Amino acid sequence: MLPHDLIDSEAFASLKPAEVSVLLRLMRIYNGRNNGHIAASVRQLADWCNINKDTATKAISALVAFGFIELAQGSSFHFKLRRAAEYRLTCHKCDRTGALPTRGWKKVVGDKAQVRKQEPLAHG
């Protein structure tokens, strides 16, 4: 079930279709016990959402900027080990830290373009 306050928010209405698709995929990965450990690489998200890898990267950055998700742990790549980035949905309690939901999208007000101009994050 999607939270009504999330769907009815101004921030959600500002999302592009690819961003909605990525958010829904991340919400699908959430199983009720893994918030903060939702692992997904940009390539996986691009494949699952049928979008370009660069579009998936931009979607993740927008979802962070709009306050729907937070980066819990960055990605890494070593010779023998690849680790996808791990995310936290801000509409649920964090299972990694125990932190309460921040519902960051409720704090987003004003110019949509300004939110999109926030510093991009590195994702993997």
PDB file of N, CA and C in Angstrom:
ATOM      1  N   MET A   1       0.837  -1.178   0.000  1.00  0.00           N
ATOM      2  CA  MET A   1       0.000   0.000   0.000  1.00  0.00           C
ATOM      3  C   MET A   1       0.886   1.247   0.000  1.00  0.00           C
ATOM      4  N   LEU A   2       0.554   2.176  -0.856  1.00  0.00           N
ATOM      5  CA  LEU A   2       1.289   3.434  -0.911  1.00  0.00           C
ATOM      6  C   LEU A   2       0.650   4.436   0.044  1.00  0.00           C
ATOM      7  N   PRO A   3       1.470   5.125   0.835  1.00  0.00           N
ATOM      8  CA  PRO A   3       0.915   6.118   1.763  1.00  0.00           C
ATOM      9  C   PRO A   3       0.189   7.236   1.003  1.00  0.00           C
ATOM     10  N   HIS A   4      -1.031   7.526   1.407  1.00  0.00           N
ATOM     11  CA  HIS A   4      -1.817   8.553   0.722  1.00  0.00           C
ATOM     12  C   HIS A   4      -1.172   9.922   0.814  1.00  0.00           C
ATOM     13  N   ASP A   5      -0.578  10.248   1.977  1.00  0.00           N
ATOM     14  CA  ASP A   5       0.046  11.561   2.095  1.00  0.00           C
ATOM     15  C   ASP A   5       1.233  11.698   1.150  1.00  0.00           C
ATOM     16  N   LEU A   6       1.885  10.616   0.811  1.00  0.00           N
ATOM     17  CA  LEU A   6       2.978  10.631  -0.163  1.00  0.00           C
ATOM     18  C   LEU A   6       2.426  10.876  -1.563  1.00  0.00           C
ATOM     19  N   ILE A   7       1.425  10.114  -1.946  1.00  0.00           N
ATOM     20  CA  ILE A   7       0.860  10.231  -3.289  1.00  0.00           C
ATOM     21  C   ILE A   7       0.190  11.586  -3.508  1.00  0.00           C
ATOM     22  N   ASP A   8      -0.422  12.137  -2.468  1.00  0.00           N
ATOM     23  CA  ASP A   8      -1.140  13.399  -2.577  1.00  0.00           C
ATOM     24  C   ASP A   8      -0.245  14.624  -2.431  1.00  0.00           C
ATOM     25  N   SER A   9       1.053  14.412  -2.206  1.00  0.00           N
ATOM     26  CA  SER A   9       1.952  15.539  -1.948  1.00  0.00           C
ATOM     27  C   SER A   9       2.298  16.302  -3.223  1.00  0.00           C
ATOM     28  N   GLU A  10       2.657  17.555  -3.026  1.00  0.00           N
ATOM     29  CA  GLU A  10       3.111  18.401  -4.134  1.00  0.00           C
ATOM     30  C   GLU A  10       4.409  17.835  -4.724  1.00  0.00           C
ATOM     31  N   ALA A  11       5.249  17.301  -3.865  1.00  0.00           N
ATOM     32  CA  ALA A  11       6.520  16.740  -4.338  1.00  0.00           C
ATOM     33  C   ALA A  11       6.279  15.550  -5.268  1.00  0.00           C
ATOM     34  N   PHE A  12       5.344  14.666  -4.923  1.00  0.00           N
ATOM     35  CA  PHE A  12       5.049  13.509  -5.771  1.00  0.00           C
ATOM     36  C   PHE A  12       4.486  13.963  -7.115  1.00  0.00           C
ATOM     37  N   ALA A  13       3.645  14.973  -7.103  1.00  0.00           N
ATOM     38  CA  ALA A  13       3.075  15.503  -8.342  1.00  0.00           C
ATOM     39  C   ALA A  13       4.149  16.106  -9.237  1.00  0.00           C
ATOM     40  N   SER A  14       5.288  16.485  -8.657  1.00  0.00           N
ATOM     41  CA  SER A  14       6.383  17.087  -9.412  1.00  0.00           C
ATOM     42  C   SER A  14       7.302  16.061 -10.064  1.00  0.00           C
ATOM     43  N   LEU A  15       7.159  14.783  -9.698  1.00  0.00           N
ATOM     44  CA  LEU A  15       8.057  13.761 -10.215  1.00  0.00           C
ATOM     45  C   LEU A  15       7.778  13.459 -11.680  1.00  0.00           C
ATOM     46  N   LYS A  16       8.841  13.154 -12.396  1.00  0.00           N
ATOM     47  CA  LYS A  16       8.737  12.708 -13.783  1.00  0.00           C
ATOM     48  C   LYS A  16       8.392  11.213 -13.777  1.00  0.00           C
ATOM     49  N   PRO A  17       7.863  10.689 -14.880  1.00  0.00           N
ATOM     50  CA  PRO A  17       7.476   9.266 -14.926  1.00  0.00           C
ATOM     51  C   PRO A  17       8.612   8.302 -14.562  1.00  0.00           C
ATOM     52  N   ALA A  18       9.821   8.560 -15.020  1.00  0.00           N
ATOM     53  CA  ALA A  18      10.942   7.678 -14.687  1.00  0.00           C
ATOM     54  C   ALA A  18      11.227   7.699 -13.185  1.00  0.00           C
ATOM     55  N   GLU A  19      11.077   8.854 -12.559  1.00  0.00           N
ATOM     56  CA  GLU A  19      11.311   8.976 -11.119  1.00  0.00           C
ATOM     57  C   GLU A  19      10.248   8.209 -10.330  1.00  0.00           C
ATOM     58  N   VAL A  20       9.009   8.291 -10.776  1.00  0.00           N
ATOM     59  CA  VAL A  20       7.934   7.525 -10.136  1.00  0.00           C
ATOM     60  C   VAL A  20       8.219   6.033 -10.271  1.00  0.00           C
ATOM     61  N   SER A  21       8.652   5.620 -11.455  1.00  0.00           N
ATOM     62  CA  SER A  21       8.945   4.209 -11.699  1.00  0.00           C
ATOM     63  C   SER A  21      10.051   3.705 -10.774  1.00  0.00           C
ATOM     64  N   VAL A  22      11.104   4.478 -10.616  1.00  0.00           N
ATOM     65  CA  VAL A  22      12.219   4.084  -9.734  1.00  0.00           C
ATOM     66  C   VAL A  22      11.746   4.045  -8.282  1.00  0.00           C
ATOM     67  N   LEU A  23      10.966   5.035  -7.863  1.00  0.00           N
ATOM     68  CA  LEU A  23      10.450   5.043  -6.491  1.00  0.00           C
ATOM     69  C   LEU A  23       9.586   3.814  -6.224  1.00  0.00           C
ATOM     70  N   LEU A  24       8.714   3.494  -7.164  1.00  0.00           N
ATOM     71  CA  LEU A  24       7.861   2.319  -6.989  1.00  0.00           C
ATOM     72  C   LEU A  24       8.682   1.031  -6.933  1.00  0.00           C
ATOM     73  N   ARG A  25       9.738   0.947  -7.719  1.00  0.00           N
ATOM     74  CA  ARG A  25      10.592  -0.241  -7.696  1.00  0.00           C
ATOM     75  C   ARG A  25      11.287  -0.360  -6.339  1.00  0.00           C
ATOM     76  N   LEU A  26      11.800   0.755  -5.818  1.00  0.00           N
ATOM     77  CA  LEU A  26      12.448   0.728  -4.505  1.00  0.00           C
ATOM     78  C   LEU A  26      11.435   0.349  -3.418  1.00  0.00           C
ATOM     79  N   MET A  27      10.209   0.844  -3.543  1.00  0.00           N
ATOM     80  CA  MET A  27       9.172   0.483  -2.576  1.00  0.00           C
ATOM     81  C   MET A  27       8.824  -1.002  -2.681  1.00  0.00           C
ATOM     82  N   ARG A  28       8.914  -1.547  -3.874  1.00  0.00           N
ATOM     83  CA  ARG A  28       8.633  -2.974  -4.081  1.00  0.00           C
ATOM     84  C   ARG A  28       9.701  -3.852  -3.426  1.00  0.00           C
ATOM     85  N   ILE A  29      10.929  -3.372  -3.415  1.00  0.00           N
ATOM     86  CA  ILE A  29      12.023  -4.125  -2.792  1.00  0.00           C
ATOM     87  C   ILE A  29      11.873  -4.143  -1.271  1.00  0.00           C
ATOM     88  N   TYR A  30      11.268  -3.114  -0.719  1.00  0.00           N
ATOM     89  CA  TYR A  30      11.064  -3.032   0.732  1.00  0.00           C
ATOM     90  C   TYR A  30      10.148  -4.164   1.196  1.00  0.00           C
ATOM     91  N   ASN A  31      10.600  -4.915   2.197  1.00  0.00           N
ATOM     92  CA  ASN A  31       9.824  -6.073   2.660  1.00  0.00           C
ATOM     93  C   ASN A  31       9.300  -5.919   4.084  1.00  0.00           C
ATOM     94  N   GLY A  32       9.412  -4.725   4.640  1.00  0.00           N
ATOM     95  CA  GLY A  32       8.939  -4.494   5.998  1.00  0.00           C
ATOM     96  C   GLY A  32      10.027  -4.600   7.043  1.00  0.00           C
ATOM     97  N   ARG A  33      11.193  -5.110   6.649  1.00  0.00           N
ATOM     98  CA  ARG A  33      12.302  -5.297   7.594  1.00  0.00           C
ATOM     99  C   ARG A  33      13.646  -4.825   7.051  1.00  0.00           C
ATOM    100  N   ASN A  34      13.680  -4.306   5.822  1.00  0.00           N
ATOM    101  CA  ASN A  34      14.975  -3.997   5.218  1.00  0.00           C
ATOM    102  C   ASN A  34      15.141  -2.524   4.841  1.00  0.00           C
ATOM    103  N   ASN A  35      14.367  -1.633   5.470  1.00  0.00           N
ATOM    104  CA  ASN A  35      14.516  -0.220   5.142  1.00  0.00           C
ATOM    105  C   ASN A  35      15.874   0.270   5.647  1.00  0.00           C
ATOM    106  N   GLY A  36      16.626   0.870   4.759  1.00  0.00           N
ATOM    107  CA  GLY A  36      18.012   1.244   5.046  1.00  0.00           C
ATOM    108  C   GLY A  36      18.979   0.244   4.439  1.00  0.00           C
ATOM    109  N   HIS A  37      18.442  -0.886   4.015  1.00  0.00           N
ATOM    110  CA  HIS A  37      19.227  -1.935   3.357  1.00  0.00           C
ATOM    111  C   HIS A  37      18.640  -2.265   1.981  1.00  0.00           C
ATOM    112  N   ILE A  38      17.897  -1.343   1.398  1.00  0.00           N
ATOM    113  CA  ILE A  38      17.278  -1.581   0.096  1.00  0.00           C
ATOM    114  C   ILE A  38      18.353  -1.391  -0.970  1.00  0.00           C
ATOM    115  N   ALA A  39      18.902  -2.504  -1.409  1.00  0.00           N
ATOM    116  CA  ALA A  39      20.034  -2.466  -2.337  1.00  0.00           C
ATOM    117  C   ALA A  39      19.549  -2.494  -3.779  1.00  0.00           C
ATOM    118  N   ALA A  40      20.053  -1.549  -4.560  1.00  0.00           N
ATOM    119  CA  ALA A  40      19.724  -1.508  -5.985  1.00  0.00           C
ATOM    120  C   ALA A  40      20.784  -0.680  -6.694  1.00  0.00           C
ATOM    121  N   SER A  41      21.379  -1.258  -7.709  1.00  0.00           N
ATOM    122  CA  SER A  41      22.336  -0.500  -8.505  1.00  0.00           C
ATOM    123  C   SER A  41      21.586   0.291  -9.559  1.00  0.00           C
ATOM    124  N   VAL A  42      22.235   1.296 -10.086  1.00  0.00           N
ATOM    125  CA  VAL A  42      21.635   2.107 -11.143  1.00  0.00           C
ATOM    126  C   VAL A  42      21.334   1.236 -12.351  1.00  0.00           C
ATOM    127  N   ARG A  43      22.210   0.321 -12.663  1.00  0.00           N
ATOM    128  CA  ARG A  43      21.986  -0.572 -13.807  1.00  0.00           C
ATOM    129  C   ARG A  43      20.766  -1.466 -13.580  1.00  0.00           C
ATOM    130  N   GLN A  44      20.620  -1.999 -12.366  1.00  0.00           N
ATOM    131  CA  GLN A  44      19.445  -2.815 -12.055  1.00  0.00           C
ATOM    132  C   GLN A  44      18.163  -1.992 -12.191  1.00  0.00           C
ATOM    133  N   LEU A  45      18.169  -0.803 -11.614  1.00  0.00           N
ATOM    134  CA  LEU A  45      16.984   0.051 -11.679  1.00  0.00           C
ATOM    135  C   LEU A  45      16.648   0.404 -13.126  1.00  0.00           C
ATOM    136  N   ALA A  46      17.667   0.690 -13.912  1.00  0.00           N
ATOM    137  CA  ALA A  46      17.437   1.008 -15.327  1.00  0.00           C
ATOM    138  C   ALA A  46      16.801  -0.174 -16.049  1.00  0.00           C
ATOM    139  N   ASP A  47      17.303  -1.362 -15.768  1.00  0.00           N
ATOM    140  CA  ASP A  47      16.764  -2.562 -16.401  1.00  0.00           C
ATOM    141  C   ASP A  47      15.328  -2.829 -15.946  1.00  0.00           C
ATOM    142  N   TRP A  48      15.089  -2.776 -14.640  1.00  0.00           N
ATOM    143  CA  TRP A  48      13.762  -3.042 -14.096  1.00  0.00           C
ATOM    144  C   TRP A  48      12.719  -2.030 -14.570  1.00  0.00           C
ATOM    145  N   CYS A  49      13.131  -0.767 -14.719  1.00  0.00           N
ATOM    146  CA  CYS A  49      12.193   0.303 -15.069  1.00  0.00           C
ATOM    147  C   CYS A  49      12.173   0.602 -16.565  1.00  0.00           C
ATOM    148  N   ASN A  50      12.979  -0.141 -17.315  1.00  0.00           N
ATOM    149  CA  ASN A  50      13.040   0.040 -18.768  1.00  0.00           C
ATOM    150  C   ASN A  50      13.413   1.472 -19.141  1.00  0.00           C
ATOM    151  N   ILE A  51      14.470   1.974 -18.484  1.00  0.00           N
ATOM    152  CA  ILE A  51      14.970   3.312 -18.761  1.00  0.00           C
ATOM    153  C   ILE A  51      16.481   3.239 -18.936  1.00  0.00           C
ATOM    154  N   ASN A  52      17.058   4.322 -19.413  1.00  0.00           N
ATOM    155  CA  ASN A  52      18.496   4.434 -19.599  1.00  0.00           C
ATOM    156  C   ASN A  52      19.194   4.542 -18.247  1.00  0.00           C
ATOM    157  N   LYS A  53      20.432   4.085 -18.166  1.00  0.00           N
ATOM    158  CA  LYS A  53      21.212   4.150 -16.925  1.00  0.00           C
ATOM    159  C   LYS A  53      21.356   5.597 -16.436  1.00  0.00           C
ATOM    160  N   ASP A  54      21.581   6.524 -17.364  1.00  0.00           N
ATOM    161  CA  ASP A  54      21.712   7.932 -16.976  1.00  0.00           C
ATOM    162  C   ASP A  54      20.395   8.487 -16.433  1.00  0.00           C
ATOM    163  N   THR A  55      19.286   8.057 -17.011  1.00  0.00           N
ATOM    164  CA  THR A  55      17.964   8.469 -16.530  1.00  0.00           C
ATOM    165  C   THR A  55      17.727   7.921 -15.127  1.00  0.00           C
ATOM    166  N   ALA A  56      18.157   6.699 -14.873  1.00  0.00           N
ATOM    167  CA  ALA A  56      18.022   6.109 -13.540  1.00  0.00           C
ATOM    168  C   ALA A  56      18.851   6.885 -12.521  1.00  0.00           C
ATOM    169  N   THR A  57      20.043   7.291 -12.904  1.00  0.00           N
ATOM    170  CA  THR A  57      20.899   8.089 -12.015  1.00  0.00           C
ATOM    171  C   THR A  57      20.222   9.408 -11.672  1.00  0.00           C
ATOM    172  N   LYS A  58      19.667  10.069 -12.678  1.00  0.00           N
ATOM    173  CA  LYS A  58      18.962  11.338 -12.445  1.00  0.00           C
ATOM    174  C   LYS A  58      17.725  11.128 -11.588  1.00  0.00           C
ATOM    175  N   ALA A  59      17.039  10.017 -11.782  1.00  0.00           N
ATOM    176  CA  ALA A  59      15.843   9.720 -10.998  1.00  0.00           C
ATOM    177  C   ALA A  59      16.196   9.548  -9.522  1.00  0.00           C
ATOM    178  N   ILE A  60      17.265   8.823  -9.241  1.00  0.00           N
ATOM    179  CA  ILE A  60      17.710   8.636  -7.855  1.00  0.00           C
ATOM    180  C   ILE A  60      18.039   9.987  -7.231  1.00  0.00           C
ATOM    181  N   SER A  61      18.782  10.818  -7.959  1.00  0.00           N
ATOM    182  CA  SER A  61      19.143  12.140  -7.431  1.00  0.00           C
ATOM    183  C   SER A  61      17.903  12.976  -7.140  1.00  0.00           C
ATOM    184  N   ALA A  62      16.908  12.912  -8.027  1.00  0.00           N
ATOM    185  CA  ALA A  62      15.677  13.668  -7.817  1.00  0.00           C
ATOM    186  C   ALA A  62      14.906  13.135  -6.608  1.00  0.00           C
ATOM    187  N   LEU A  63      14.853  11.823  -6.450  1.00  0.00           N
ATOM    188  CA  LEU A  63      14.137  11.235  -5.313  1.00  0.00           C
ATOM    189  C   LEU A  63      14.785  11.620  -3.988  1.00  0.00           C
ATOM    190  N   VAL A  64      16.110  11.721  -3.988  1.00  0.00           N
ATOM    191  CA  VAL A  64      16.823  12.179  -2.787  1.00  0.00           C
ATOM    192  C   VAL A  64      16.519  13.657  -2.554  1.00  0.00           C
ATOM    193  N   ALA A  65      16.605  14.468  -3.618  1.00  0.00           N
ATOM    194  CA  ALA A  65      16.367  15.906  -3.492  1.00  0.00           C
ATOM    195  C   ALA A  65      14.948  16.215  -3.024  1.00  0.00           C
ATOM    196  N   PHE A  66      13.970  15.449  -3.507  1.00  0.00           N
ATOM    197  CA  PHE A  66      12.583  15.659  -3.115  1.00  0.00           C
ATOM    198  C   PHE A  66      12.255  15.020  -1.766  1.00  0.00           C
ATOM    199  N   GLY A  67      13.174  14.265  -1.193  1.00  0.00           N
ATOM    200  CA  GLY A  67      12.978  13.714   0.146  1.00  0.00           C
ATOM    201  C   GLY A  67      12.217  12.413   0.232  1.00  0.00           C
ATOM    202  N   PHE A  68      12.125  11.666  -0.873  1.00  0.00           N
ATOM    203  CA  PHE A  68      11.434  10.375  -0.851  1.00  0.00           C
ATOM    204  C   PHE A  68      12.341   9.245  -0.369  1.00  0.00           C
ATOM    205  N   ILE A  69      13.626   9.360  -0.660  1.00  0.00           N
ATOM    206  CA  ILE A  69      14.593   8.343  -0.245  1.00  0.00           C
ATOM    207  C   ILE A  69      15.839   9.034   0.298  1.00  0.00           C
ATOM    208  N   GLU A  70      16.625   8.268   1.022  1.00  0.00           N
ATOM    209  CA  GLU A  70      17.931   8.719   1.504  1.00  0.00           C
ATOM    210  C   GLU A  70      18.939   7.636   1.180  1.00  0.00           C
ATOM    211  N   LEU A  71      20.139   8.046   0.879  1.00  0.00           N
ATOM    212  CA  LEU A  71      21.219   7.096   0.636  1.00  0.00           C
ATOM    213  C   LEU A  71      21.719   6.610   1.995  1.00  0.00           C
ATOM    214  N   ALA A  72      21.587   5.325   2.269  1.00  0.00           N
ATOM    215  CA  ALA A  72      22.017   4.752   3.541  1.00  0.00           C
ATOM    216  C   ALA A  72      23.484   4.324   3.475  1.00  0.00           C
ATOM    217  N   GLN A  73      23.886   3.807   2.321  1.00  0.00           N
ATOM    218  CA  GLN A  73      25.277   3.394   2.114  1.00  0.00           C
ATOM    219  C   GLN A  73      25.577   3.494   0.627  1.00  0.00           C
ATOM    220  N   GLY A  74      26.677   4.135   0.310  1.00  0.00           N
ATOM    221  CA  GLY A  74      27.063   4.304  -1.085  1.00  0.00           C
ATOM    222  C   GLY A  74      27.521   3.001  -1.708  1.00  0.00           C
ATOM    223  N   SER A  75      27.583   3.006  -3.020  1.00  0.00           N
ATOM    224  CA  SER A  75      28.042   1.819  -3.739  1.00  0.00           C
ATOM    225  C   SER A  75      29.561   1.754  -3.712  1.00  0.00           C
ATOM    226  N   SER A  76      30.088   0.598  -4.008  1.00  0.00           N
ATOM    227  CA  SER A  76      31.533   0.438  -4.107  1.00  0.00           C
ATOM    228  C   SER A  76      31.845  -0.618  -5.152  1.00  0.00           C
ATOM    229  N   PHE A  77      33.017  -0.510  -5.697  1.00  0.00           N
ATOM    230  CA  PHE A  77      33.459  -1.483  -6.684  1.00  0.00           C
ATOM    231  C   PHE A  77      34.932  -1.751  -6.440  1.00  0.00           C
ATOM    232  N   HIS A  78      35.230  -2.985  -6.145  1.00  0.00           N
ATOM    233  CA  HIS A  78      36.607  -3.426  -5.984  1.00  0.00           C
ATOM    234  C   HIS A  78      36.823  -4.567  -6.966  1.00  0.00           C
ATOM    235  N   PHE A  79      38.051  -4.974  -7.095  1.00  0.00           N
ATOM    236  CA  PHE A  79      38.396  -6.000  -8.075  1.00  0.00           C
ATOM    237  C   PHE A  79      37.497  -7.235  -7.960  1.00  0.00           C
ATOM    238  N   LYS A  80      37.264  -7.714  -6.748  1.00  0.00           N
ATOM    239  CA  LYS A  80      36.475  -8.935  -6.576  1.00  0.00           C
ATOM    240  C   LYS A  80      35.111  -8.693  -5.940  1.00  0.00           C
ATOM    241  N   LEU A  81      34.809  -7.475  -5.577  1.00  0.00           N
ATOM    242  CA  LEU A  81      33.573  -7.215  -4.849  1.00  0.00           C
ATOM    243  C   LEU A  81      32.847  -6.008  -5.429  1.00  0.00           C
ATOM    244  N   ARG A  82      31.595  -6.207  -5.766  1.00  0.00           N
ATOM    245  CA  ARG A  82      30.728  -5.106  -6.187  1.00  0.00           C
ATOM    246  C   ARG A  82      29.629  -4.973  -5.149  1.00  0.00           C
ATOM    247  N   ARG A  83      29.356  -3.748  -4.740  1.00  0.00           N
ATOM    248  CA  ARG A  83      28.307  -3.527  -3.749  1.00  0.00           C
ATOM    249  C   ARG A  83      27.393  -2.408  -4.246  1.00  0.00           C
ATOM    250  N   ALA A  84      26.121  -2.728  -4.396  1.00  0.00           N
ATOM    251  CA  ALA A  84      25.137  -1.742  -4.838  1.00  0.00           C
ATOM    252  C   ALA A  84      24.855  -0.761  -3.702  1.00  0.00           C
ATOM    253  N   ALA A  85      24.450   0.437  -4.071  1.00  0.00           N
ATOM    254  CA  ALA A  85      24.046   1.419  -3.076  1.00  0.00           C
ATOM    255  C   ALA A  85      22.828   0.892  -2.315  1.00  0.00           C
ATOM    256  N   GLU A  86      22.700   1.308  -1.070  1.00  0.00           N
ATOM    257  CA  GLU A  86      21.561   0.917  -0.253  1.00  0.00           C
ATOM    258  C   GLU A  86      20.795   2.170   0.142  1.00  0.00           C
ATOM    259  N   TYR A  87      19.469   2.082   0.054  1.00  0.00           N
ATOM    260  CA  TYR A  87      18.614   3.235   0.268  1.00  0.00           C
ATOM    261  C   TYR A  87      17.658   3.029   1.416  1.00  0.00           C
ATOM    262  N   ARG A  88      17.124   4.146   1.875  1.00  0.00           N
ATOM    263  CA  ARG A  88      16.104   4.165   2.922  1.00  0.00           C
ATOM    264  C   ARG A  88      14.902   4.921   2.391  1.00  0.00           C
ATOM    265  N   LEU A  89      13.721   4.359   2.517  1.00  0.00           N
ATOM    266  CA  LEU A  89      12.484   5.059   2.188  1.00  0.00           C
ATOM    267  C   LEU A  89      12.129   5.943   3.378  1.00  0.00           C
ATOM    268  N   THR A  90      11.909   7.221   3.136  1.00  0.00           N
ATOM    269  CA  THR A  90      11.671   8.135   4.252  1.00  0.00           C
ATOM    270  C   THR A  90      10.262   8.044   4.816  1.00  0.00           C
ATOM    271  N   CYS A  91       9.399   7.239   4.190  1.00  0.00           N
ATOM    272  CA  CYS A  91       8.035   7.085   4.698  1.00  0.00           C
ATOM    273  C   CYS A  91       7.924   5.967   5.728  1.00  0.00           C
ATOM    274  N   HIS A  92       9.028   5.268   5.995  1.00  0.00           N
ATOM    275  CA  HIS A  92       9.026   4.161   6.962  1.00  0.00           C
ATOM    276  C   HIS A  92      10.179   4.319   7.946  1.00  0.00           C
ATOM    277  N   LYS A  93      10.043   3.694   9.088  1.00  0.00           N
ATOM    278  CA  LYS A  93      11.114   3.653  10.086  1.00  0.00           C
ATOM    279  C   LYS A  93      12.329   2.970   9.470  1.00  0.00           C
ATOM    280  N   CYS A  94      13.504   3.472   9.808  1.00  0.00           N
ATOM    281  CA  CYS A  94      14.742   2.884   9.293  1.00  0.00           C
ATOM    282  C   CYS A  94      15.092   1.638  10.090  1.00  0.00           C
ATOM    283  N   ASP A  95      15.225   0.519   9.403  1.00  0.00           N
ATOM    284  CA  ASP A  95      15.590  -0.731  10.060  1.00  0.00           C
ATOM    285  C   ASP A  95      17.089  -0.826  10.314  1.00  0.00           C
ATOM    286  N   ARG A  96      17.862   0.022   9.677  1.00  0.00           N
ATOM    287  CA  ARG A  96      19.317   0.044   9.865  1.00  0.00           C
ATOM    288  C   ARG A  96      19.672   0.770  11.162  1.00  0.00           C
ATOM    289  N   THR A  97      19.033   1.946  11.390  1.00  0.00           N
ATOM    290  CA  THR A  97      19.390   2.788  12.528  1.00  0.00           C
ATOM    291  C   THR A  97      18.296   2.897  13.580  1.00  0.00           C
ATOM    292  N   GLY A  98      17.070   2.522  13.229  1.00  0.00           N
ATOM    293  CA  GLY A  98      15.947   2.679  14.144  1.00  0.00           C
ATOM    294  C   GLY A  98      15.327   4.071  14.097  1.00  0.00           C
ATOM    295  N   ALA A  99      15.838   4.935  13.219  1.00  0.00           N
ATOM    296  CA  ALA A  99      15.323   6.304  13.118  1.00  0.00           C
ATOM    297  C   ALA A  99      13.877   6.296  12.628  1.00  0.00           C
ATOM    298  N   LEU A 100      13.114   7.220  13.128  1.00  0.00           N
ATOM    299  CA  LEU A 100      11.711   7.348  12.729  1.00  0.00           C
ATOM    300  C   LEU A 100      11.607   7.876  11.299  1.00  0.00           C
ATOM    301  N   PRO A 101      10.460   7.697  10.654  1.00  0.00           N
ATOM    302  CA  PRO A 101      10.289   8.220   9.298  1.00  0.00           C
ATOM    303  C   PRO A 101      10.497   9.733   9.281  1.00  0.00           C
ATOM    304  N   THR A 102      11.227  10.232   8.297  1.00  0.00           N
ATOM    305  CA  THR A 102      11.461  11.676   8.192  1.00  0.00           C
ATOM    306  C   THR A 102      10.440  12.347   7.292  1.00  0.00           C
ATOM    307  N   ARG A 103       9.839  11.569   6.393  1.00  0.00           N
ATOM    308  CA  ARG A 103       8.849  12.101   5.452  1.00  0.00           C
ATOM    309  C   ARG A 103       9.336  13.396   4.817  1.00  0.00           C
ATOM    310  N   GLY A 104      10.540  13.340   4.275  1.00  0.00           N
ATOM    311  CA  GLY A 104      11.196  14.508   3.703  1.00  0.00           C
ATOM    312  C   GLY A 104      10.419  15.206   2.608  1.00  0.00           C
ATOM    313  N   TRP A 105       9.581  14.470   1.883  1.00  0.00           N
ATOM    314  CA  TRP A 105       8.831  15.089   0.795  1.00  0.00           C
ATOM    315  C   TRP A 105       7.859  16.138   1.315  1.00  0.00           C
ATOM    316  N   LYS A 106       7.462  16.059   2.578  1.00  0.00           N
ATOM    317  CA  LYS A 106       6.535  17.040   3.145  1.00  0.00           C
ATOM    318  C   LYS A 106       7.219  18.386   3.363  1.00  0.00           C
ATOM    319  N   LYS A 107       8.539  18.373   3.445  1.00  0.00           N
ATOM    320  CA  LYS A 107       9.297  19.598   3.686  1.00  0.00           C
ATOM    321  C   LYS A 107       9.642  20.330   2.401  1.00  0.00           C
ATOM    322  N   VAL A 108       9.382  19.702   1.262  1.00  0.00           N
ATOM    323  CA  VAL A 108       9.698  20.303  -0.024  1.00  0.00           C
ATOM    324  C   VAL A 108       8.564  21.241  -0.409  1.00  0.00           C
ATOM    325  N   VAL A 109       8.898  22.517  -0.461  1.00  0.00           N
ATOM    326  CA  VAL A 109       7.922  23.522  -0.877  1.00  0.00           C
ATOM    327  C   VAL A 109       8.614  24.488  -1.831  1.00  0.00           C
ATOM    328  N   GLY A 110       7.826  25.192  -2.585  1.00  0.00           N
ATOM    329  CA  GLY A 110       8.385  26.212  -3.458  1.00  0.00           C
ATOM    330  C   GLY A 110       8.713  25.708  -4.842  1.00  0.00           C
ATOM    331  N   ASP A 111       9.723  26.299  -5.416  1.00  0.00           N
ATOM    332  CA  ASP A 111      10.086  26.102  -6.813  1.00  0.00           C
ATOM    333  C   ASP A 111      10.641  24.700  -7.059  1.00  0.00           C
ATOM    334  N   LYS A 112       9.976  23.949  -7.937  1.00  0.00           N
ATOM    335  CA  LYS A 112      10.427  22.592  -8.289  1.00  0.00           C
ATOM    336  C   LYS A 112      11.802  22.614  -8.928  1.00  0.00           C
ATOM    337  N   ALA A 113      12.051  23.627  -9.758  1.00  0.00           N
ATOM    338  CA  ALA A 113      13.341  23.721 -10.446  1.00  0.00           C
ATOM    339  C   ALA A 113      14.479  23.867  -9.441  1.00  0.00           C
ATOM    340  N   GLN A 114      14.243  24.593  -8.359  1.00  0.00           N
ATOM    341  CA  GLN A 114      15.269  24.774  -7.338  1.00  0.00           C
ATOM    342  C   GLN A 114      15.612  23.447  -6.669  1.00  0.00           C
ATOM    343  N   VAL A 115      14.616  22.620  -6.409  1.00  0.00           N
ATOM    344  CA  VAL A 115      14.852  21.309  -5.798  1.00  0.00           C
ATOM    345  C   VAL A 115      15.703  20.459  -6.738  1.00  0.00           C
ATOM    346  N   ARG A 116      15.399  20.495  -8.034  1.00  0.00           N
ATOM    347  CA  ARG A 116      16.138  19.691  -9.001  1.00  0.00           C
ATOM    348  C   ARG A 116      17.576  20.160  -9.178  1.00  0.00           C
ATOM    349  N   LYS A 117      17.890  21.381  -8.807  1.00  0.00           N
ATOM    350  CA  LYS A 117      19.242  21.933  -8.974  1.00  0.00           C
ATOM    351  C   LYS A 117      20.173  21.553  -7.839  1.00  0.00           C
ATOM    352  N   GLN A 118      19.648  20.887  -6.813  1.00  0.00           N
ATOM    353  CA  GLN A 118      20.500  20.514  -5.689  1.00  0.00           C
ATOM    354  C   GLN A 118      21.632  19.620  -6.171  1.00  0.00           C
ATOM    355  N   GLU A 119      22.702  19.639  -5.416  1.00  0.00           N
ATOM    356  CA  GLU A 119      23.904  18.912  -5.798  1.00  0.00           C
ATOM    357  C   GLU A 119      23.615  17.434  -6.049  1.00  0.00           C
ATOM    358  N   PRO A 120      24.008  16.910  -7.233  1.00  0.00           N
ATOM    359  CA  PRO A 120      23.792  15.494  -7.520  1.00  0.00           C
ATOM    360  C   PRO A 120      24.663  14.608  -6.634  1.00  0.00           C
ATOM    361  N   LEU A 121      24.167  13.393  -6.391  1.00  0.00           N
ATOM    362  CA  LEU A 121      24.884  12.425  -5.573  1.00  0.00           C
ATOM    363  C   LEU A 121      25.525  11.366  -6.454  1.00  0.00           C
ATOM    364  N   ALA A 122      26.556  10.746  -5.928  1.00  0.00           N
ATOM    365  CA  ALA A 122      27.182   9.621  -6.652  1.00  0.00           C
ATOM    366  C   ALA A 122      26.457   8.338  -6.273  1.00  0.00           C
ATOM    367  N   HIS A 123      26.034   7.574  -7.265  1.00  0.00           N
ATOM    368  CA  HIS A 123      25.321   6.321  -7.039  1.00  0.00           C
ATOM    369  C   HIS A 123      25.979   5.238  -7.858  1.00  0.00           C
ATOM    370  N   GLY A 124      25.659   4.000  -7.540  1.00  0.00           N
ATOM    371  CA  GLY A 124      26.292   2.917  -8.265  1.00  0.00           C
ATOM    372  C   GLY A 124      25.395   1.927  -8.813  1.00  0.00           C
TER     373      GLY A 124
END
